[in-house]
C-alpha atoms as a PDB file:
ATOM      1  CA  MET A   1     -14.075 -12.899  -9.804  1.00  0.00           C
ATOM      2  CA  ALA A   2     -11.551 -10.787  -9.644  1.00  0.00           C
ATOM      3  CA  GLU A   3     -11.684  -7.974  -7.701  1.00  0.00           C
ATOM      4  CA  THR A   4     -11.286  -4.774  -9.894  1.00  0.00           C
ATOM      5  CA  ILE A   5      -9.269  -1.631  -8.518  1.00  0.00           C
ATOM      6  CA  ARG A   6     -12.352   0.138  -8.159  1.00  0.00           C
ATOM      7  CA  ASP A   7     -13.807  -2.712  -5.978  1.00  0.00           C
ATOM      8  CA  ARG A   8     -10.438  -2.593  -3.948  1.00  0.00           C
ATOM      9  CA  ILE A   9     -10.787   1.269  -3.561  1.00  0.00           C
ATOM     10  CA  LYS A  10     -13.996   1.315  -2.327  1.00  0.00           C
ATOM     11  CA  ALA A  11     -14.003  -1.899  -0.114  1.00  0.00           C
ATOM     12  CA  LEU A  12     -10.588  -0.025   1.405  1.00  0.00           C
ATOM     13  CA  ARG A  13     -12.739   3.422   1.603  1.00  0.00           C
ATOM     14  CA  LYS A  14     -15.692   2.087   3.640  1.00  0.00           C
ATOM     15  CA  LYS A  15     -13.483  -0.183   5.999  1.00  0.00           C
ATOM     16  CA  ALA A  16     -11.672   3.248   7.136  1.00  0.00           C
ATOM     17  CA  LYS A  17     -15.497   4.483   6.932  1.00  0.00           C
ATOM     18  CA  LEU A  18     -14.283   7.329   5.320  1.00  0.00           C
ATOM     19  CA  THR A  19     -16.412   9.811   3.301  1.00  0.00           C
ATOM     20  CA  LEU A  20     -15.437  10.691  -0.266  1.00  0.00           C
ATOM     21  CA  ASP A  21     -14.288  14.029   0.384  1.00  0.00           C
ATOM     22  CA  GLN A  22     -12.397  12.387   3.275  1.00  0.00           C
ATOM     23  CA  ALA A  23     -10.322  10.080   1.308  1.00  0.00           C
ATOM     24  CA  ALA A  24      -9.744  12.238  -1.695  1.00  0.00           C
ATOM     25  CA  GLU A  25      -8.423  14.390   0.560  1.00  0.00           C
ATOM     26  CA  GLN A  26      -5.728  12.060   2.124  1.00  0.00           C
ATOM     27  CA  ALA A  27      -5.114  10.575  -0.745  1.00  0.00           C
ATOM     28  CA  GLY A  28      -4.525  14.275  -2.492  1.00  0.00           C
ATOM     29  CA  LEU A  29      -7.621  13.600  -5.371  1.00  0.00           C
ATOM     30  CA  SER A  30     -10.951  15.378  -6.180  1.00  0.00           C
ATOM     31  CA  LYS A  31     -13.991  14.014  -4.494  1.00  0.00           C
ATOM     32  CA  SER A  32     -15.132  13.737  -8.410  1.00  0.00           C
ATOM     33  CA  TYR A  33     -12.079  12.038  -9.735  1.00  0.00           C
ATOM     34  CA  LEU A  34     -12.289   9.555  -6.393  1.00  0.00           C
ATOM     35  CA  TRP A  35     -15.734   8.816  -7.415  1.00  0.00           C
ATOM     36  CA  GLU A  36     -15.062   7.909 -10.876  1.00  0.00           C
ATOM     37  CA  LEU A  37     -12.580   5.564  -9.827  1.00  0.00           C
ATOM     38  CA  GLU A  38     -15.068   3.954  -7.597  1.00  0.00           C
ATOM     39  CA  ASN A  39     -17.938   3.857  -9.919  1.00  0.00           C
ATOM     40  CA  ARG A  40     -16.589   4.094 -13.474  1.00  0.00           C
ATOM     41  CA  ASP A  41     -14.019   2.002 -15.573  1.00  0.00           C
ATOM     42  CA  LEU A  42     -11.619   4.492 -16.190  1.00  0.00           C
ATOM     43  CA  PRO A  43      -8.343   4.009 -17.801  1.00  0.00           C
ATOM     44  CA  ARG A  44      -5.488   2.773 -15.137  1.00  0.00           C
ATOM     45  CA  PRO A  45      -4.605   5.640 -12.905  1.00  0.00           C
ATOM     46  CA  SER A  46      -1.588   7.441 -12.639  1.00  0.00           C
ATOM     47  CA  ALA A  47       1.221   5.937 -10.283  1.00  0.00           C
ATOM     48  CA  GLU A  48       1.195   9.115  -8.649  1.00  0.00           C
ATOM     49  CA  LYS A  49      -3.046   9.027  -7.756  1.00  0.00           C
ATOM     50  CA  LEU A  50      -2.313   5.308  -6.984  1.00  0.00           C
ATOM     51  CA  ALA A  51       0.608   5.723  -4.532  1.00  0.00           C
ATOM     52  CA  GLY A  52      -1.497   8.614  -2.776  1.00  0.00           C
ATOM     53  CA  LEU A  53      -4.298   5.898  -2.468  1.00  0.00           C
ATOM     54  CA  ALA A  54      -2.103   3.121  -1.204  1.00  0.00           C
ATOM     55  CA  ARG A  55      -0.878   6.155   1.414  1.00  0.00           C
ATOM     56  CA  ALA A  56      -4.547   7.151   2.623  1.00  0.00           C
ATOM     57  CA  PHE A  57      -5.628   3.023   2.923  1.00  0.00           C
ATOM     58  CA  ASN A  58      -2.137   2.115   4.329  1.00  0.00           C
ATOM     59  CA  VAL A  59      -1.597  -0.542   1.772  1.00  0.00           C
ATOM     60  CA  THR A  60       0.471  -1.309  -0.702  1.00  0.00           C
ATOM     61  CA  VAL A  61      -0.193  -0.073  -4.933  1.00  0.00           C
ATOM     62  CA  ASP A  62       0.533  -3.756  -5.495  1.00  0.00           C
ATOM     63  CA  TYR A  63      -2.618  -4.469  -3.764  1.00  0.00           C
ATOM     64  CA  LEU A  64      -4.569  -1.554  -5.563  1.00  0.00           C
ATOM     65  CA  LEU A  65      -3.646  -3.586  -8.761  1.00  0.00           C
ATOM     66  CA  GLY A  66      -5.017  -6.607  -7.728  1.00  0.00           C
ATOM     67  CA  GLY A  67      -1.661  -8.231  -5.842  1.00  0.00           C
ATOM     68  CA  GLU A  68      -1.823 -10.232  -2.755  1.00  0.00           C
ATOM     69  CA  ALA A  69      -4.131  -9.694   0.231  1.00  0.00           C
ATOM     70  CA  VAL A  70      -4.416  -6.783   2.426  1.00  0.00           C
ATOM     71  CA  GLU A  71      -0.898  -5.514   3.678  1.00  0.00           C
ATOM     72  CA  ASN A  72      -0.239  -2.696   5.520  1.00  0.00           C
ATOM     73  CA  LEU A  73       2.794  -0.742   4.579  1.00  0.00           C
ATOM     74  CA  GLY A  74       4.729  -1.801   7.859  1.00  0.00           C
ATOM     75  CA  SER A  75       4.300  -5.557   6.617  1.00  0.00           C
ATOM     76  CA  ALA A  76       5.454  -4.065   2.689  1.00  0.00           C
ATOM     77  CA  GLU A  77       8.491  -2.970   4.362  1.00  0.00           C
ATOM     78  CA  ASP A  78       9.158  -5.807   6.283  1.00  0.00           C
ATOM     79  CA  LYS A  79       9.295  -8.055   3.202  1.00  0.00           C
ATOM     80  CA  ALA A  80      11.642  -5.161   1.279  1.00  0.00           C
ATOM     81  CA  PHE A  81      13.784  -5.521   3.906  1.00  0.00           C
ATOM     82  CA  PHE A  82      13.993  -9.349   4.540  1.00  0.00           C
ATOM     83  CA  ARG A  83      14.513  -9.321   0.603  1.00  0.00           C
ATOM     84  CA  GLU A  84      17.578  -7.166   0.891  1.00  0.00           C
ATOM     85  CA  TYR A  85      18.709  -9.313   3.906  1.00  0.00           C
ATOM     86  CA  GLN A  86      18.828 -12.269   1.978  1.00  0.00           C
ATOM     87  CA  SER A  87      20.828 -10.836  -0.457  1.00  0.00           C
ATOM     88  CA  MET A  88      23.693  -9.462   1.743  1.00  0.00           C
ATOM     89  CA  SER A  89      27.155 -11.031   2.590  1.00  0.00           C
ATOM     90  CA  PRO A  90      27.243 -13.827   5.375  1.00  0.00           C
ATOM     91  CA  GLU A  91      29.231 -11.494   7.152  1.00  0.00           C
ATOM     92  CA  ALA A  92      27.064  -8.538   6.906  1.00  0.00           C
ATOM     93  CA  LYS A  93      23.929 -10.599   7.886  1.00  0.00           C
ATOM     94  CA  ALA A  94      25.970 -11.351  11.391  1.00  0.00           C
ATOM     95  CA  ARG A  95      26.818  -7.738  11.919  1.00  0.00           C
ATOM     96  CA  LEU A  96      23.000  -6.552  11.617  1.00  0.00           C
ATOM     97  CA  ARG A  97      21.949  -9.619  13.647  1.00  0.00           C
ATOM     98  CA  ARG A  98      24.735  -8.213  16.512  1.00  0.00           C
ATOM     99  CA  LEU A  99      22.960  -4.666  15.841  1.00  0.00           C
ATOM    100  CA  ALA A 100      19.894  -6.070  16.134  1.00  0.00           C
ATOM    101  CA  LYS A 101      20.361  -7.966  18.980  1.00  0.00           C
ATOM    102  CA  ALA A 102      22.044  -5.064  20.914  1.00  0.00           C
ATOM    103  CA  LEU A 103      18.900  -2.812  19.879  1.00  0.00           C
ATOM    104  CA  ASP A 104      16.147  -5.014  21.510  1.00  0.00           C
ATOM    105  CA  ASP A 105      18.322  -5.414  24.843  1.00  0.00           C
END
């Protein structure tokens, strides 16, 4: 059975050991709205509310919507960077590799 948005939100909040008040504050939501998200079949929350929840729980909006396994924002940024890298010209890739090597030394 597929997880719903409410299942994921509730699981993430409990995993972070946050109360409804704490999680709502971090996500920029009201406690009552977060409770409704976790316990009722509401229409899909707005992008702004999903972004707040994703920041509070350090996951992507895609994950909240049923995307692949839990991933933190750092991992999502790495993937986005790699996708961008793949689309670069060979010269730009070579410059970036030299820069990365210089930063790592």
